[in-house]
Amino acid sequence: MDETKLVRMANDIARNFAAQRHEDAVAAVADHITMFWEPRMKAGLYAADRKALLPLAAEAVALLERGAKVPSQTRATRFNAADESHRSDGA
């Protein structure tokens, strides 16, 4: 994979999460890479020039390389239990 493209993609992800609290943003970037990037993409990113990564992306990549477990940041699929109500955006 083209390392330049992978770095750009990682930086784009970091920009999308940059408004979150720093620790949450790092976890979200790492989670996104874990969930949606295939192994060759990750390997290419790990081999890329880190100076080109935004600090947030670099921190997330370092976290993943250390083998740290990051909690899933994907809450879009959390549903109410059968007896819960009035917790949707539309309510």
PDB file of N, CA and C in Angstrom:
ATOM      1  N   MET A   1       0.838  -1.170   0.000  1.00  0.00           N
ATOM      2  CA  MET A   1       0.000   0.000   0.000  1.00  0.00           C
ATOM      3  C   MET A   1       0.889   1.242   0.000  1.00  0.00           C
ATOM      4  N   ASP A   2       0.378   2.289  -0.560  1.00  0.00           N
ATOM      5  CA  ASP A   2       1.089   3.560  -0.624  1.00  0.00           C
ATOM      6  C   ASP A   2       1.097   4.207   0.762  1.00  0.00           C
ATOM      7  N   GLU A   3       2.289   4.310   1.355  1.00  0.00           N
ATOM      8  CA  GLU A   3       2.401   4.855   2.709  1.00  0.00           C
ATOM      9  C   GLU A   3       1.888   6.285   2.798  1.00  0.00           C
ATOM     10  N   THR A   4       2.113   7.074   1.769  1.00  0.00           N
ATOM     11  CA  THR A   4       1.644   8.463   1.776  1.00  0.00           C
ATOM     12  C   THR A   4       0.126   8.512   1.902  1.00  0.00           C
ATOM     13  N   LYS A   5      -0.549   7.644   1.174  1.00  0.00           N
ATOM     14  CA  LYS A   5      -2.016   7.602   1.235  1.00  0.00           C
ATOM     15  C   LYS A   5      -2.487   7.132   2.614  1.00  0.00           C
ATOM     16  N   LEU A   6      -1.809   6.145   3.173  1.00  0.00           N
ATOM     17  CA  LEU A   6      -2.195   5.646   4.496  1.00  0.00           C
ATOM     18  C   LEU A   6      -2.018   6.717   5.566  1.00  0.00           C
ATOM     19  N   VAL A   7      -0.931   7.476   5.476  1.00  0.00           N
ATOM     20  CA  VAL A   7      -0.706   8.569   6.424  1.00  0.00           C
ATOM     21  C   VAL A   7      -1.795   9.620   6.268  1.00  0.00           C
ATOM     22  N   ARG A   8      -2.137   9.949   5.021  1.00  0.00           N
ATOM     23  CA  ARG A   8      -3.198  10.932   4.793  1.00  0.00           C
ATOM     24  C   ARG A   8      -4.511  10.447   5.372  1.00  0.00           C
ATOM     25  N   MET A   9      -4.819   9.171   5.180  1.00  0.00           N
ATOM     26  CA  MET A   9      -6.060   8.611   5.716  1.00  0.00           C
ATOM     27  C   MET A   9      -6.063   8.652   7.248  1.00  0.00           C
ATOM     28  N   ALA A  10      -4.945   8.281   7.877  1.00  0.00           N
ATOM     29  CA  ALA A  10      -4.859   8.312   9.337  1.00  0.00           C
ATOM     30  C   ALA A  10      -5.016   9.747   9.846  1.00  0.00           C
ATOM     31  N   ASN A  11      -4.405  10.689   9.152  1.00  0.00           N
ATOM     32  CA  ASN A  11      -4.544  12.094   9.543  1.00  0.00           C
ATOM     33  C   ASN A  11      -5.973  12.583   9.377  1.00  0.00           C
ATOM     34  N   ASP A  12      -6.653  12.141   8.324  1.00  0.00           N
ATOM     35  CA  ASP A  12      -8.060  12.512   8.128  1.00  0.00           C
ATOM     36  C   ASP A  12      -8.928  11.981   9.271  1.00  0.00           C
ATOM     37  N   ILE A  13      -8.670  10.753   9.676  1.00  0.00           N
ATOM     38  CA  ILE A  13      -9.418  10.170  10.799  1.00  0.00           C
ATOM     39  C   ILE A  13      -9.163  10.991  12.055  1.00  0.00           C
ATOM     40  N   ALA A  14      -7.899  11.332  12.288  1.00  0.00           N
ATOM     41  CA  ALA A  14      -7.547  12.125  13.469  1.00  0.00           C
ATOM     42  C   ALA A  14      -8.260  13.479  13.453  1.00  0.00           C
ATOM     43  N   ARG A  15      -8.322  14.105  12.293  1.00  0.00           N
ATOM     44  CA  ARG A  15      -9.023  15.399  12.200  1.00  0.00           C
ATOM     45  C   ARG A  15     -10.501  15.255  12.554  1.00  0.00           C
ATOM     46  N   ASN A  16     -11.095  14.152  12.162  1.00  0.00           N
ATOM     47  CA  ASN A  16     -12.516  13.937  12.446  1.00  0.00           C
ATOM     48  C   ASN A  16     -12.798  13.801  13.931  1.00  0.00           C
ATOM     49  N   PHE A  17     -11.851  13.290  14.690  1.00  0.00           N
ATOM     50  CA  PHE A  17     -12.058  13.071  16.118  1.00  0.00           C
ATOM     51  C   PHE A  17     -11.396  14.135  16.989  1.00  0.00           C
ATOM     52  N   ALA A  18     -10.744  15.100  16.384  1.00  0.00           N
ATOM     53  CA  ALA A  18      -9.941  16.080  17.132  1.00  0.00           C
ATOM     54  C   ALA A  18     -10.744  16.922  18.114  1.00  0.00           C
ATOM     55  N   ALA A  19     -12.034  17.075  17.905  1.00  0.00           N
ATOM     56  CA  ALA A  19     -12.846  17.909  18.799  1.00  0.00           C
ATOM     57  C   ALA A  19     -13.161  17.208  20.125  1.00  0.00           C
ATOM     58  N   GLN A  20     -12.931  15.898  20.173  1.00  0.00           N
ATOM     59  CA  GLN A  20     -13.194  15.161  21.404  1.00  0.00           C
ATOM     60  C   GLN A  20     -12.092  15.415  22.426  1.00  0.00           C
ATOM     61  N   ARG A  21     -12.349  15.049  23.662  1.00  0.00           N
ATOM     62  CA  ARG A  21     -11.317  15.085  24.693  1.00  0.00           C
ATOM     63  C   ARG A  21     -10.136  14.261  24.192  1.00  0.00           C
ATOM     64  N   HIS A  22      -8.913  14.697  24.457  1.00  0.00           N
ATOM     65  CA  HIS A  22      -7.723  14.102  23.856  1.00  0.00           C
ATOM     66  C   HIS A  22      -7.671  12.574  24.003  1.00  0.00           C
ATOM     67  N   GLU A  23      -7.864  12.068  25.196  1.00  0.00           N
ATOM     68  CA  GLU A  23      -7.787  10.622  25.427  1.00  0.00           C
ATOM     69  C   GLU A  23      -8.854   9.880  24.624  1.00  0.00           C
ATOM     70  N   ASP A  24     -10.039  10.461  24.540  1.00  0.00           N
ATOM     71  CA  ASP A  24     -11.115   9.849  23.761  1.00  0.00           C
ATOM     72  C   ASP A  24     -10.791   9.875  22.269  1.00  0.00           C
ATOM     73  N   ALA A  25     -10.200  10.963  21.817  1.00  0.00           N
ATOM     74  CA  ALA A  25      -9.845  11.083  20.402  1.00  0.00           C
ATOM     75  C   ALA A  25      -8.788  10.061  20.017  1.00  0.00           C
ATOM     76  N   VAL A  26      -7.779   9.889  20.851  1.00  0.00           N
ATOM     77  CA  VAL A  26      -6.741   8.882  20.576  1.00  0.00           C
ATOM     78  C   VAL A  26      -7.376   7.501  20.495  1.00  0.00           C
ATOM     79  N   ALA A  27      -8.233   7.181  21.460  1.00  0.00           N
ATOM     80  CA  ALA A  27      -8.904   5.882  21.466  1.00  0.00           C
ATOM     81  C   ALA A  27      -9.792   5.711  20.237  1.00  0.00           C
ATOM     82  N   ALA A  28     -10.468   6.766  19.827  1.00  0.00           N
ATOM     83  CA  ALA A  28     -11.357   6.680  18.660  1.00  0.00           C
ATOM     84  C   ALA A  28     -10.569   6.451  17.378  1.00  0.00           C
ATOM     85  N   VAL A  29      -9.446   7.120  17.226  1.00  0.00           N
ATOM     86  CA  VAL A  29      -8.606   6.912  16.035  1.00  0.00           C
ATOM     87  C   VAL A  29      -8.079   5.478  16.037  1.00  0.00           C
ATOM     88  N   ALA A  30      -7.566   5.031  17.173  1.00  0.00           N
ATOM     89  CA  ALA A  30      -7.047   3.663  17.267  1.00  0.00           C
ATOM     90  C   ALA A  30      -8.145   2.643  17.004  1.00  0.00           C
ATOM     91  N   ASP A  31      -9.322   2.875  17.556  1.00  0.00           N
ATOM     92  CA  ASP A  31     -10.446   1.963  17.348  1.00  0.00           C
ATOM     93  C   ASP A  31     -10.842   1.915  15.878  1.00  0.00           C
ATOM     94  N   HIS A  32     -10.881   3.063  15.228  1.00  0.00           N
ATOM     95  CA  HIS A  32     -11.257   3.087  13.812  1.00  0.00           C
ATOM     96  C   HIS A  32     -10.264   2.274  12.981  1.00  0.00           C
ATOM     97  N   ILE A  33      -8.986   2.470  13.241  1.00  0.00           N
ATOM     98  CA  ILE A  33      -7.966   1.725  12.498  1.00  0.00           C
ATOM     99  C   ILE A  33      -8.105   0.231  12.767  1.00  0.00           C
ATOM    100  N   THR A  34      -8.336  -0.133  14.018  1.00  0.00           N
ATOM    101  CA  THR A  34      -8.509  -1.538  14.385  1.00  0.00           C
ATOM    102  C   THR A  34      -9.715  -2.152  13.685  1.00  0.00           C
ATOM    103  N   MET A  35     -10.823  -1.427  13.686  1.00  0.00           N
ATOM    104  CA  MET A  35     -12.078  -1.969  13.164  1.00  0.00           C
ATOM    105  C   MET A  35     -12.144  -2.028  11.640  1.00  0.00           C
ATOM    106  N   PHE A  36     -11.546  -1.036  10.969  1.00  0.00           N
ATOM    107  CA  PHE A  36     -11.812  -0.883   9.544  1.00  0.00           C
ATOM    108  C   PHE A  36     -10.602  -1.033   8.628  1.00  0.00           C
ATOM    109  N   TRP A  37      -9.408  -1.115   9.178  1.00  0.00           N
ATOM    110  CA  TRP A  37      -8.233  -1.260   8.328  1.00  0.00           C
ATOM    111  C   TRP A  37      -7.804  -2.724   8.313  1.00  0.00           C
ATOM    112  N   GLU A  38      -7.495  -3.222   7.143  1.00  0.00           N
ATOM    113  CA  GLU A  38      -7.036  -4.601   7.044  1.00  0.00           C
ATOM    114  C   GLU A  38      -5.537  -4.660   7.386  1.00  0.00           C
ATOM    115  N   PRO A  39      -5.013  -5.849   7.676  1.00  0.00           N
ATOM    116  CA  PRO A  39      -3.639  -5.977   8.171  1.00  0.00           C
ATOM    117  C   PRO A  39      -2.566  -5.326   7.293  1.00  0.00           C
ATOM    118  N   ARG A  40      -2.689  -5.404   5.986  1.00  0.00           N
ATOM    119  CA  ARG A  40      -1.665  -4.778   5.116  1.00  0.00           C
ATOM    120  C   ARG A  40      -1.680  -3.261   5.252  1.00  0.00           C
ATOM    121  N   MET A  41      -2.847  -2.686   5.436  1.00  0.00           N
ATOM    122  CA  MET A  41      -2.935  -1.234   5.634  1.00  0.00           C
ATOM    123  C   MET A  41      -2.255  -0.842   6.946  1.00  0.00           C
ATOM    124  N   LYS A  42      -2.535  -1.605   8.007  1.00  0.00           N
ATOM    125  CA  LYS A  42      -1.914  -1.314   9.300  1.00  0.00           C
ATOM    126  C   LYS A  42      -0.403  -1.444   9.208  1.00  0.00           C
ATOM    127  N   ALA A  43       0.071  -2.508   8.573  1.00  0.00           N
ATOM    128  CA  ALA A  43       1.516  -2.711   8.439  1.00  0.00           C
ATOM    129  C   ALA A  43       2.158  -1.568   7.667  1.00  0.00           C
ATOM    130  N   GLY A  44       1.507  -1.102   6.631  1.00  0.00           N
ATOM    131  CA  GLY A  44       2.026   0.024   5.856  1.00  0.00           C
ATOM    132  C   GLY A  44       2.074   1.293   6.681  1.00  0.00           C
ATOM    133  N   LEU A  45       1.068   1.501   7.506  1.00  0.00           N
ATOM    134  CA  LEU A  45       1.045   2.675   8.369  1.00  0.00           C
ATOM    135  C   LEU A  45       2.149   2.597   9.416  1.00  0.00           C
ATOM    136  N   TYR A  46       2.350   1.412   9.989  1.00  0.00           N
ATOM    137  CA  TYR A  46       3.398   1.250  11.000  1.00  0.00           C
ATOM    138  C   TYR A  46       4.784   1.482  10.400  1.00  0.00           C
ATOM    139  N   ALA A  47       4.940   1.179   9.109  1.00  0.00           N
ATOM    140  CA  ALA A  47       6.232   1.351   8.441  1.00  0.00           C
ATOM    141  C   ALA A  47       6.439   2.763   7.895  1.00  0.00           C
ATOM    142  N   ALA A  48       5.404   3.562   7.894  1.00  0.00           N
ATOM    143  CA  ALA A  48       5.456   4.897   7.289  1.00  0.00           C
ATOM    144  C   ALA A  48       6.285   5.862   8.138  1.00  0.00           C
ATOM    145  N   ASP A  49       6.660   6.974   7.517  1.00  0.00           N
ATOM    146  CA  ASP A  49       7.390   8.044   8.195  1.00  0.00           C
ATOM    147  C   ASP A  49       6.467   8.715   9.198  1.00  0.00           C
ATOM    148  N   ARG A  50       6.755   8.566  10.486  1.00  0.00           N
ATOM    149  CA  ARG A  50       5.893   9.089  11.543  1.00  0.00           C
ATOM    150  C   ARG A  50       5.881  10.613  11.586  1.00  0.00           C
ATOM    151  N   LYS A  51       6.894  11.243  11.030  1.00  0.00           N
ATOM    152  CA  LYS A  51       6.935  12.710  11.055  1.00  0.00           C
ATOM    153  C   LYS A  51       5.789  13.314  10.263  1.00  0.00           C
ATOM    154  N   ALA A  52       5.223  12.545   9.349  1.00  0.00           N
ATOM    155  CA  ALA A  52       4.124  13.043   8.528  1.00  0.00           C
ATOM    156  C   ALA A  52       2.764  12.897   9.220  1.00  0.00           C
ATOM    157  N   LEU A  53       2.718  12.152  10.315  1.00  0.00           N
ATOM    158  CA  LEU A  53       1.455  11.962  11.033  1.00  0.00           C
ATOM    159  C   LEU A  53       1.173  13.148  11.950  1.00  0.00           C
ATOM    160  N   LEU A  54      -0.085  13.520  12.029  1.00  0.00           N
ATOM    161  CA  LEU A  54      -0.499  14.493  13.032  1.00  0.00           C
ATOM    162  C   LEU A  54      -0.257  13.872  14.411  1.00  0.00           C
ATOM    163  N   PRO A  55      -0.012  14.699  15.425  1.00  0.00           N
ATOM    164  CA  PRO A  55       0.262  14.150  16.757  1.00  0.00           C
ATOM    165  C   PRO A  55      -0.806  13.181  17.262  1.00  0.00           C
ATOM    166  N   LEU A  56      -2.060  13.478  17.026  1.00  0.00           N
ATOM    167  CA  LEU A  56      -3.146  12.602  17.461  1.00  0.00           C
ATOM    168  C   LEU A  56      -3.069  11.247  16.763  1.00  0.00           C
ATOM    169  N   ALA A  57      -2.824  11.254  15.461  1.00  0.00           N
ATOM    170  CA  ALA A  57      -2.696  10.008  14.707  1.00  0.00           C
ATOM    171  C   ALA A  57      -1.463   9.236  15.155  1.00  0.00           C
ATOM    172  N   ALA A  58      -0.360   9.933  15.374  1.00  0.00           N
ATOM    173  CA  ALA A  58       0.876   9.280  15.810  1.00  0.00           C
ATOM    174  C   ALA A  58       0.689   8.603  17.167  1.00  0.00           C
ATOM    175  N   GLU A  59      -0.017   9.259  18.061  1.00  0.00           N
ATOM    176  CA  GLU A  59      -0.265   8.682  19.385  1.00  0.00           C
ATOM    177  C   GLU A  59      -1.144   7.437  19.283  1.00  0.00           C
ATOM    178  N   ALA A  60      -2.140   7.479  18.413  1.00  0.00           N
ATOM    179  CA  ALA A  60      -3.013   6.317  18.217  1.00  0.00           C
ATOM    180  C   ALA A  60      -2.234   5.147  17.619  1.00  0.00           C
ATOM    181  N   VAL A  61      -1.381   5.423  16.651  1.00  0.00           N
ATOM    182  CA  VAL A  61      -0.576   4.373  16.031  1.00  0.00           C
ATOM    183  C   VAL A  61       0.376   3.761  17.059  1.00  0.00           C
ATOM    184  N   ALA A  62       1.007   4.599  17.866  1.00  0.00           N
ATOM    185  CA  ALA A  62       1.907   4.096  18.907  1.00  0.00           C
ATOM    186  C   ALA A  62       1.146   3.214  19.899  1.00  0.00           C
ATOM    187  N   LEU A  63      -0.071   3.612  20.226  1.00  0.00           N
ATOM    188  CA  LEU A  63      -0.910   2.831  21.126  1.00  0.00           C
ATOM    189  C   LEU A  63      -1.179   1.449  20.543  1.00  0.00           C
ATOM    190  N   LEU A  64      -1.512   1.403  19.271  1.00  0.00           N
ATOM    191  CA  LEU A  64      -1.788   0.130  18.611  1.00  0.00           C
ATOM    192  C   LEU A  64      -0.533  -0.733  18.511  1.00  0.00           C
ATOM    193  N   GLU A  65       0.588  -0.118  18.214  1.00  0.00           N
ATOM    194  CA  GLU A  65       1.826  -0.883  18.103  1.00  0.00           C
ATOM    195  C   GLU A  65       2.229  -1.523  19.427  1.00  0.00           C
ATOM    196  N   ARG A  66       1.909  -0.855  20.515  1.00  0.00           N
ATOM    197  CA  ARG A  66       2.211  -1.424  21.838  1.00  0.00           C
ATOM    198  C   ARG A  66       1.273  -2.576  22.172  1.00  0.00           C
ATOM    199  N   GLY A  67       0.265  -2.781  21.348  1.00  0.00           N
ATOM    200  CA  GLY A  67      -0.691  -3.854  21.582  1.00  0.00           C
ATOM    201  C   GLY A  67      -1.752  -3.508  22.605  1.00  0.00           C
ATOM    202  N   ALA A  68      -1.892  -2.227  22.886  1.00  0.00           N
ATOM    203  CA  ALA A  68      -2.886  -1.800  23.864  1.00  0.00           C
ATOM    204  C   ALA A  68      -4.292  -2.099  23.353  1.00  0.00           C
ATOM    205  N   LYS A  69      -5.131  -2.511  24.263  1.00  0.00           N
ATOM    206  CA  LYS A  69      -6.538  -2.737  23.926  1.00  0.00           C
ATOM    207  C   LYS A  69      -7.273  -1.417  24.074  1.00  0.00           C
ATOM    208  N   VAL A  70      -7.984  -1.038  23.044  1.00  0.00           N
ATOM    209  CA  VAL A  70      -8.768   0.192  23.117  1.00  0.00           C
ATOM    210  C   VAL A  70     -10.243  -0.185  23.130  1.00  0.00           C
ATOM    211  N   PRO A  71     -11.004   0.463  23.997  1.00  0.00           N
ATOM    212  CA  PRO A  71     -12.433   0.155  24.032  1.00  0.00           C
ATOM    213  C   PRO A  71     -13.098   0.615  22.740  1.00  0.00           C
ATOM    214  N   SER A  72     -14.095  -0.129  22.332  1.00  0.00           N
ATOM    215  CA  SER A  72     -14.827   0.243  21.130  1.00  0.00           C
ATOM    216  C   SER A  72     -15.460   1.609  21.302  1.00  0.00           C
ATOM    217  N   GLN A  73     -15.281   2.442  20.313  1.00  0.00           N
ATOM    218  CA  GLN A  73     -15.844   3.782  20.337  1.00  0.00           C
ATOM    219  C   GLN A  73     -17.149   3.851  19.551  1.00  0.00           C
ATOM    220  N   THR A  74     -17.538   2.739  18.954  1.00  0.00           N
ATOM    221  CA  THR A  74     -18.728   2.718  18.112  1.00  0.00           C
ATOM    222  C   THR A  74     -19.964   2.497  18.958  1.00  0.00           C
ATOM    223  N   ARG A  75     -20.676   3.569  19.188  1.00  0.00           N
ATOM    224  CA  ARG A  75     -21.894   3.472  19.986  1.00  0.00           C
ATOM    225  C   ARG A  75     -23.155   3.586  19.125  1.00  0.00           C
ATOM    226  N   ALA A  76     -22.979   3.698  17.846  1.00  0.00           N
ATOM    227  CA  ALA A  76     -24.124   3.899  16.961  1.00  0.00           C
ATOM    228  C   ALA A  76     -25.049   2.699  16.942  1.00  0.00           C
ATOM    229  N   THR A  77     -24.541   1.532  17.312  1.00  0.00           N
ATOM    230  CA  THR A  77     -25.370   0.338  17.262  1.00  0.00           C
ATOM    231  C   THR A  77     -25.894  -0.077  18.631  1.00  0.00           C
ATOM    232  N   ARG A  78     -25.746   0.779  19.633  1.00  0.00           N
ATOM    233  CA  ARG A  78     -26.315   0.480  20.938  1.00  0.00           C
ATOM    234  C   ARG A  78     -27.810   0.785  20.894  1.00  0.00           C
ATOM    235  N   PHE A  79     -28.597  -0.186  21.256  1.00  0.00           N
ATOM    236  CA  PHE A  79     -30.038  -0.028  21.209  1.00  0.00           C
ATOM    237  C   PHE A  79     -30.613  -0.035  22.615  1.00  0.00           C
ATOM    238  N   ASN A  80     -31.772   0.528  22.748  1.00  0.00           N
ATOM    239  CA  ASN A  80     -32.476   0.468  24.026  1.00  0.00           C
ATOM    240  C   ASN A  80     -32.896  -0.963  24.302  1.00  0.00           C
ATOM    241  N   ALA A  81     -32.941  -1.295  25.578  1.00  0.00           N
ATOM    242  CA  ALA A  81     -33.475  -2.590  25.968  1.00  0.00           C
ATOM    243  C   ALA A  81     -34.988  -2.567  25.744  1.00  0.00           C
ATOM    244  N   ALA A  82     -35.613  -3.718  25.798  1.00  0.00           N
ATOM    245  CA  ALA A  82     -37.038  -3.817  25.509  1.00  0.00           C
ATOM    246  C   ALA A  82     -37.890  -2.937  26.421  1.00  0.00           C
ATOM    247  N   ASP A  83     -37.455  -2.739  27.667  1.00  0.00           N
ATOM    248  CA  ASP A  83     -38.275  -1.956  28.587  1.00  0.00           C
ATOM    249  C   ASP A  83     -37.825  -0.502  28.703  1.00  0.00           C
ATOM    250  N   GLU A  84     -36.854  -0.079  27.906  1.00  0.00           N
ATOM    251  CA  GLU A  84     -36.414   1.316  27.940  1.00  0.00           C
ATOM    252  C   GLU A  84     -37.182   2.136  26.910  1.00  0.00           C
ATOM    253  N   SER A  85     -37.385   3.385  27.227  1.00  0.00           N
ATOM    254  CA  SER A  85     -38.040   4.273  26.279  1.00  0.00           C
ATOM    255  C   SER A  85     -37.515   5.685  26.470  1.00  0.00           C
ATOM    256  N   HIS A  86     -37.848   6.534  25.539  1.00  0.00           N
ATOM    257  CA  HIS A  86     -37.519   7.956  25.601  1.00  0.00           C
ATOM    258  C   HIS A  86     -36.013   8.226  25.636  1.00  0.00           C
ATOM    259  N   ARG A  87     -35.232   7.399  24.948  1.00  0.00           N
ATOM    260  CA  ARG A  87     -33.807   7.635  24.914  1.00  0.00           C
ATOM    261  C   ARG A  87     -33.287   7.809  23.497  1.00  0.00           C
ATOM    262  N   SER A  88     -34.154   8.005  22.551  1.00  0.00           N
ATOM    263  CA  SER A  88     -33.694   8.185  21.181  1.00  0.00           C
ATOM    264  C   SER A  88     -33.596   9.664  20.855  1.00  0.00           C
ATOM    265  N   ASP A  89     -32.889   9.988  19.778  1.00  0.00           N
ATOM    266  CA  ASP A  89     -32.775  11.379  19.353  1.00  0.00           C
ATOM    267  C   ASP A  89     -34.141  11.934  18.933  1.00  0.00           C
ATOM    268  N   GLY A  90     -35.022  11.071  18.484  1.00  0.00           N
ATOM    269  CA  GLY A  90     -36.303  11.523  17.987  1.00  0.00           C
ATOM    270  C   GLY A  90     -37.354  11.712  19.072  1.00  0.00           C
ATOM    271  N   ALA A  91     -37.038  11.308  20.291  1.00  0.00           N
ATOM    272  CA  ALA A  91     -38.039  11.377  21.357  1.00  0.00           C
ATOM    273  C   ALA A  91     -38.043  12.734  22.026  1.00  0.00           C
TER     274      ALA A  91
END
